[in-house]
Amino acid sequence: GDRLMIRPPSGHFHLIEDEPLPIVLIGGGIGITPMLSILNSVLERGVEREVWLYYGVRNGSEHVMKGHLRKLADRHNNFHLHVCYSAPREDEVEGVDFDHRGRVDLPLLRNTLRLTRHQFYVCGPRPMMESLVPGLEEWGVDSGDIHYESFGPATLAKHEKPTPAATQAQPVNITFSRSGKRLTWDPAAGYLLEFTEANGIDVDSGCRAGSCGSCQTVLTAGKVEYGQQPDADIEPGHCLLCIATPSCDLVLEA
């Protein structure tokens, strides 16, 4: 058979077990993936913490693990399932095929959660994250009780800050040793991955959010800064292009 090279589990988005607080899992689309891992772990170990799962999709065609989730809800009294369809099909009935019409939003959380402290875990597309995470803080949830992971090329706008290169008076030059190109950094490009792709340089990429490590590239000279905490383990002398900006002139093996 084939042999595959795989990485061990890693990352910063996982269940915090220091305090036995009720758990609120919020997943949009494929953002349900880490929520399933947390949910299965809690219920399989018999942890007696209350768990709420809010899962938002367009309709039943995107509703993954439907039978599994329903069985867990029927089997565990401490698990409360809320599925939202934003665009249900004609044959899908609210209260039967799904629980709520619309998106997972703050009014739904306020109407269904008890007035007590919870740990919130949120993963979904950018519009969902930009709405829910600040909304939870405005509701009075302590920022230390809100844990989130974005998928796709962006983090939350409220956490973005000017990149070091964007504030430097002198231009920053980036040399791509393998491609034989020397280019002047454009801060408007976003991160190094977008800049590299825009200039026709082929590099590997995956999550575009600092999690998978696919875009890890040899950094021969110079330094970078990260727009967010990397989840992937970075090898010495390498950098993650998808969340990095240059602090000075760089030489990249690309």
Protein backbone atom coordinates (compact mmCIF):
# COMPACT_ATOMS: atom_id res chain seq x y z
CA GLY A 1 0.00 0.00 0.00
CA ASP A 2 0.89 3.68 -0.04
CA ARG A 3 2.75 5.44 2.73
CA LEU A 4 1.64 8.87 3.88
CA MET A 5 3.62 11.48 5.78
CA ILE A 6 1.33 13.07 8.36
CA ARG A 7 1.72 15.59 11.17
CA PRO A 8 0.61 14.96 14.76
CA PRO A 9 -2.30 16.94 16.21
CA SER A 10 -1.37 20.58 16.77
CA GLY A 11 -2.88 24.01 17.12
CA HIS A 12 -4.22 26.41 19.73
CA PHE A 13 -7.94 25.88 19.16
CA HIS A 14 -8.97 23.22 21.66
CA LEU A 15 -11.12 22.77 24.74
CA ILE A 16 -9.96 24.67 27.82
CA GLU A 17 -10.43 22.37 30.80
CA ASP A 18 -9.12 24.58 33.62
CA GLU A 19 -12.65 25.60 34.63
CA PRO A 20 -15.76 23.36 34.45
CA LEU A 21 -17.88 26.01 32.70
CA PRO A 22 -20.76 25.20 30.34
CA ILE A 23 -19.52 24.90 26.76
CA VAL A 24 -21.06 26.69 23.77
CA LEU A 25 -19.88 25.42 20.38
CA ILE A 26 -20.77 27.53 17.33
CA GLY A 27 -19.94 26.22 13.85
CA GLY A 28 -20.82 27.60 10.44
CA GLY A 29 -20.50 25.36 7.38
CA ILE A 30 -17.26 23.37 7.54
CA GLY A 31 -16.52 25.21 10.78
CA ILE A 32 -18.40 22.33 12.40
CA THR A 33 -15.23 20.21 12.08
CA PRO A 34 -13.36 21.29 15.26
CA MET A 35 -16.67 21.46 17.12
CA LEU A 36 -17.33 17.78 16.40
CA SER A 37 -13.93 16.87 17.85
CA ILE A 38 -14.60 18.82 21.04
CA LEU A 39 -18.17 17.53 21.32
CA ASN A 40 -17.25 13.88 20.79
CA SER A 41 -14.38 14.11 23.27
CA VAL A 42 -16.53 15.65 26.02
CA LEU A 43 -19.41 13.21 25.62
CA GLU A 44 -17.29 10.07 25.16
CA ARG A 45 -15.35 10.82 28.36
CA GLY A 46 -18.53 11.31 30.32
CA VAL A 47 -17.67 14.87 31.29
CA GLU A 48 -20.71 16.33 33.02
CA ARG A 49 -20.40 19.84 31.62
CA GLU A 50 -23.39 21.28 29.79
CA VAL A 51 -22.71 21.51 26.05
CA TRP A 52 -24.62 23.58 23.49
CA LEU A 53 -23.94 23.20 19.77
CA TYR A 54 -25.20 25.85 17.34
CA TYR A 55 -24.66 24.69 13.77
CA GLY A 56 -25.50 26.90 10.80
CA VAL A 57 -25.80 25.77 7.16
CA ARG A 58 -27.90 26.76 4.15
CA ASN A 59 -30.03 23.60 4.08
CA GLY A 60 -29.98 19.83 4.38
CA SER A 61 -27.58 19.42 1.46
CA GLU A 62 -24.85 20.92 3.67
CA HIS A 63 -25.96 19.35 6.96
CA VAL A 64 -23.15 16.91 7.78
CA MET A 65 -23.30 14.26 10.52
CA LYS A 66 -27.03 14.84 10.90
CA GLY A 67 -27.84 11.37 12.23
CA HIS A 68 -24.81 11.30 14.51
CA LEU A 69 -25.65 14.64 16.10
CA ARG A 70 -29.28 13.70 16.63
CA LYS A 71 -28.28 10.43 18.31
CA LEU A 72 -25.91 12.28 20.64
CA ALA A 73 -28.64 14.76 21.57
CA ASP A 74 -31.08 11.92 22.30
CA ARG A 75 -28.52 9.99 24.34
CA HIS A 76 -26.98 12.77 26.46
CA ASN A 77 -29.10 15.03 28.64
CA ASN A 78 -26.26 17.54 28.97
CA PHE A 79 -26.04 18.10 25.19
CA HIS A 80 -28.32 20.70 23.58
CA LEU A 81 -28.42 20.83 19.76
CA HIS A 82 -29.57 23.84 17.73
CA VAL A 83 -29.37 23.55 13.92
CA CYS A 84 -30.08 26.62 11.77
CA TYR A 85 -30.96 26.57 8.05
CA SER A 86 -30.59 29.95 6.35
CA ALA A 87 -32.20 28.79 3.07
CA PRO A 88 -34.20 25.59 3.69
CA ARG A 89 -35.53 23.66 0.70
CA GLU A 90 -39.28 23.41 0.13
CA ASP A 91 -39.53 19.91 1.61
CA GLU A 92 -37.55 20.76 4.77
CA VAL A 93 -39.67 21.47 7.83
CA GLU A 94 -38.65 23.63 10.78
CA GLY A 95 -38.85 21.62 13.98
CA VAL A 96 -38.37 18.36 12.09
CA ASP A 97 -35.39 18.67 9.74
CA PHE A 98 -33.83 21.64 11.53
CA ASP A 99 -34.46 23.72 14.64
CA HIS A 100 -34.33 27.37 13.57
CA ARG A 101 -34.84 29.26 10.30
CA GLY A 102 -32.10 31.82 9.73
CA ARG A 103 -28.49 32.14 10.79
CA VAL A 104 -26.76 31.55 14.09
CA ASP A 105 -26.86 35.02 15.62
CA LEU A 106 -26.76 36.80 18.94
CA PRO A 107 -30.57 36.98 19.44
CA LEU A 108 -30.75 33.19 19.10
CA LEU A 109 -28.01 32.73 21.69
CA ARG A 110 -29.65 35.16 24.10
CA ASN A 111 -33.01 33.43 23.74
CA THR A 112 -31.71 29.89 24.30
CA LEU A 113 -28.78 30.18 26.72
CA ARG A 114 -29.07 30.57 30.46
CA LEU A 115 -27.87 33.75 32.13
CA THR A 116 -24.62 32.32 33.43
CA ARG A 117 -20.98 32.26 32.43
CA HIS A 118 -20.06 30.03 29.47
CA GLN A 119 -17.01 29.15 27.41
CA PHE A 120 -17.64 30.02 23.75
CA TYR A 121 -15.91 28.31 20.82
CA VAL A 122 -16.60 29.79 17.38
CA CYS A 123 -15.46 28.66 13.92
CA GLY A 124 -16.97 29.73 10.64
CA PRO A 125 -16.69 32.00 7.61
CA ARG A 126 -15.61 35.59 8.04
CA PRO A 127 -19.09 37.24 8.03
CA MET A 128 -20.18 34.93 10.84
CA MET A 129 -17.04 35.61 12.86
CA GLU A 130 -17.22 39.38 12.37
CA SER A 131 -20.79 39.36 13.64
CA LEU A 132 -20.67 36.91 16.52
CA VAL A 133 -17.33 37.51 18.20
CA PRO A 134 -17.75 41.28 18.71
CA GLY A 135 -21.44 40.66 19.47
CA LEU A 136 -20.56 38.32 22.31
CA GLU A 137 -18.21 40.90 23.79
CA GLU A 138 -20.89 43.59 23.53
CA TRP A 139 -23.29 41.20 25.28
CA GLY A 140 -20.89 41.18 28.22
CA VAL A 141 -19.00 37.93 27.61
CA ASP A 142 -15.42 38.24 28.82
CA SER A 143 -12.96 38.08 25.92
CA GLY A 144 -11.08 35.36 27.80
CA ASP A 145 -14.16 33.13 27.49
CA ILE A 146 -14.36 33.53 23.70
CA HIS A 147 -12.17 31.19 21.67
CA TYR A 148 -12.33 31.27 17.90
CA GLU A 149 -10.68 30.04 14.73
CA SER A 150 -11.28 31.51 11.29
CA PHE A 151 -11.02 29.44 8.15
CA GLY A 152 -10.05 31.02 4.86
CA PRO A 153 -7.66 33.89 4.11
CA ALA A 154 -8.70 36.33 6.81
CA THR A 155 -8.77 36.89 10.53
CA LEU A 156 -11.18 39.22 12.28
CA ALA A 157 -10.83 42.84 11.24
CA LYS A 158 -11.00 44.01 14.86
CA HIS A 159 -7.74 42.18 15.60
CA GLU A 160 -5.83 43.43 12.57
CA LYS A 161 -3.04 45.95 13.01
CA PRO A 162 -0.79 47.86 10.61
CA THR A 163 2.05 45.67 9.41
CA PRO A 164 5.61 46.76 10.24
CA ALA A 165 6.47 47.11 6.55
CA ALA A 166 3.47 49.37 6.01
CA THR A 167 4.85 51.94 8.46
CA GLN A 168 8.47 51.93 7.24
CA ALA A 169 9.70 54.91 5.24
CA GLN A 170 12.22 52.84 3.27
CA PRO A 171 10.96 50.33 0.68
CA VAL A 172 11.29 46.67 1.56
CA ASN A 173 12.72 44.37 -1.09
CA ILE A 174 11.97 40.66 -1.33
CA THR A 175 14.24 38.34 -3.26
CA PHE A 176 12.86 35.01 -4.47
CA SER A 177 16.02 32.95 -4.94
CA ARG A 178 14.52 30.04 -6.83
CA SER A 179 12.47 32.19 -9.21
CA GLY A 180 15.22 34.75 -9.70
CA LYS A 181 12.91 37.68 -8.92
CA ARG A 182 13.58 40.73 -6.75
CA LEU A 183 10.45 42.72 -5.95
CA THR A 184 9.49 45.70 -3.82
CA TRP A 185 6.96 44.80 -1.13
CA ASP A 186 3.50 46.28 -1.51
CA PRO A 187 1.72 46.49 1.89
CA ALA A 188 -1.64 46.60 0.08
CA ALA A 189 -1.04 43.00 -0.99
CA GLY A 190 -1.97 41.78 2.49
CA TYR A 191 0.29 38.89 3.41
CA LEU A 192 3.33 37.42 1.69
CA LEU A 193 1.32 34.57 0.16
CA GLU A 194 -0.97 36.94 -1.74
CA PHE A 195 2.01 39.08 -2.78
CA THR A 196 3.87 36.01 -4.02
CA GLU A 197 0.90 34.70 -6.00
CA ALA A 198 0.14 38.13 -7.48
CA ASN A 199 3.65 38.20 -8.91
CA GLY A 200 3.34 34.83 -10.60
CA ILE A 201 5.49 32.83 -8.19
CA ASP A 202 4.18 29.33 -7.57
CA VAL A 203 4.10 28.24 -3.91
CA ASP A 204 2.12 25.61 -2.05
CA SER A 205 -0.82 26.76 0.07
CA GLY A 206 -3.76 25.29 1.92
CA CYS A 207 -5.78 26.83 4.73
CA ARG A 208 -4.45 30.37 4.19
CA ALA A 209 -4.94 30.97 7.91
CA GLY A 210 -1.70 29.78 9.54
CA SER A 211 -3.00 26.36 10.50
CA CYS A 212 -1.93 23.71 7.98
CA GLY A 213 1.70 24.67 7.29
CA SER A 214 1.43 24.05 3.54
CA CYS A 215 2.91 27.44 2.64
CA GLN A 216 5.93 27.05 4.93
CA THR A 217 8.89 28.46 3.00
CA VAL A 218 12.62 28.68 3.67
CA LEU A 219 13.56 32.16 4.92
CA THR A 220 17.21 32.59 3.93
CA ALA A 221 17.57 36.15 5.17
CA GLY A 222 15.49 38.76 6.97
CA LYS A 223 12.65 38.67 9.48
CA VAL A 224 8.86 38.50 9.31
CA GLU A 225 6.02 39.35 11.67
CA TYR A 226 2.77 37.41 11.94
CA GLY A 227 -0.67 38.96 11.85
CA GLN A 228 -1.94 36.25 14.19
CA GLN A 229 -0.57 33.42 16.31
CA PRO A 230 0.45 30.56 13.96
CA ASP A 231 -1.22 27.23 14.65
CA ALA A 232 1.21 25.25 12.50
CA ASP A 233 4.61 24.29 13.89
CA ILE A 234 7.19 26.37 12.03
CA GLU A 235 10.57 24.78 11.34
CA PRO A 236 13.68 26.85 12.16
CA GLY A 237 14.65 29.07 9.25
CA HIS A 238 11.16 28.96 7.72
CA CYS A 239 8.09 31.20 7.69
CA LEU A 240 4.38 30.86 6.97
CA LEU A 241 3.65 33.05 3.96
CA CYS A 242 -0.12 33.13 4.49
CA ILE A 243 -0.02 35.18 7.72
CA ALA A 244 3.40 36.86 7.47
CA THR A 245 4.56 40.33 6.46
CA PRO A 246 8.19 41.43 6.10
CA SER A 247 9.91 43.44 8.83
CA CYS A 248 12.89 44.15 6.56
CA ASP A 249 14.41 42.95 3.29
CA LEU A 250 13.85 39.22 2.79
CA VAL A 251 15.32 36.36 0.80
CA LEU A 252 12.83 33.54 0.31
CA GLU A 253 13.53 30.17 -1.30
CA ALA A 254 10.62 30.34 -3.74
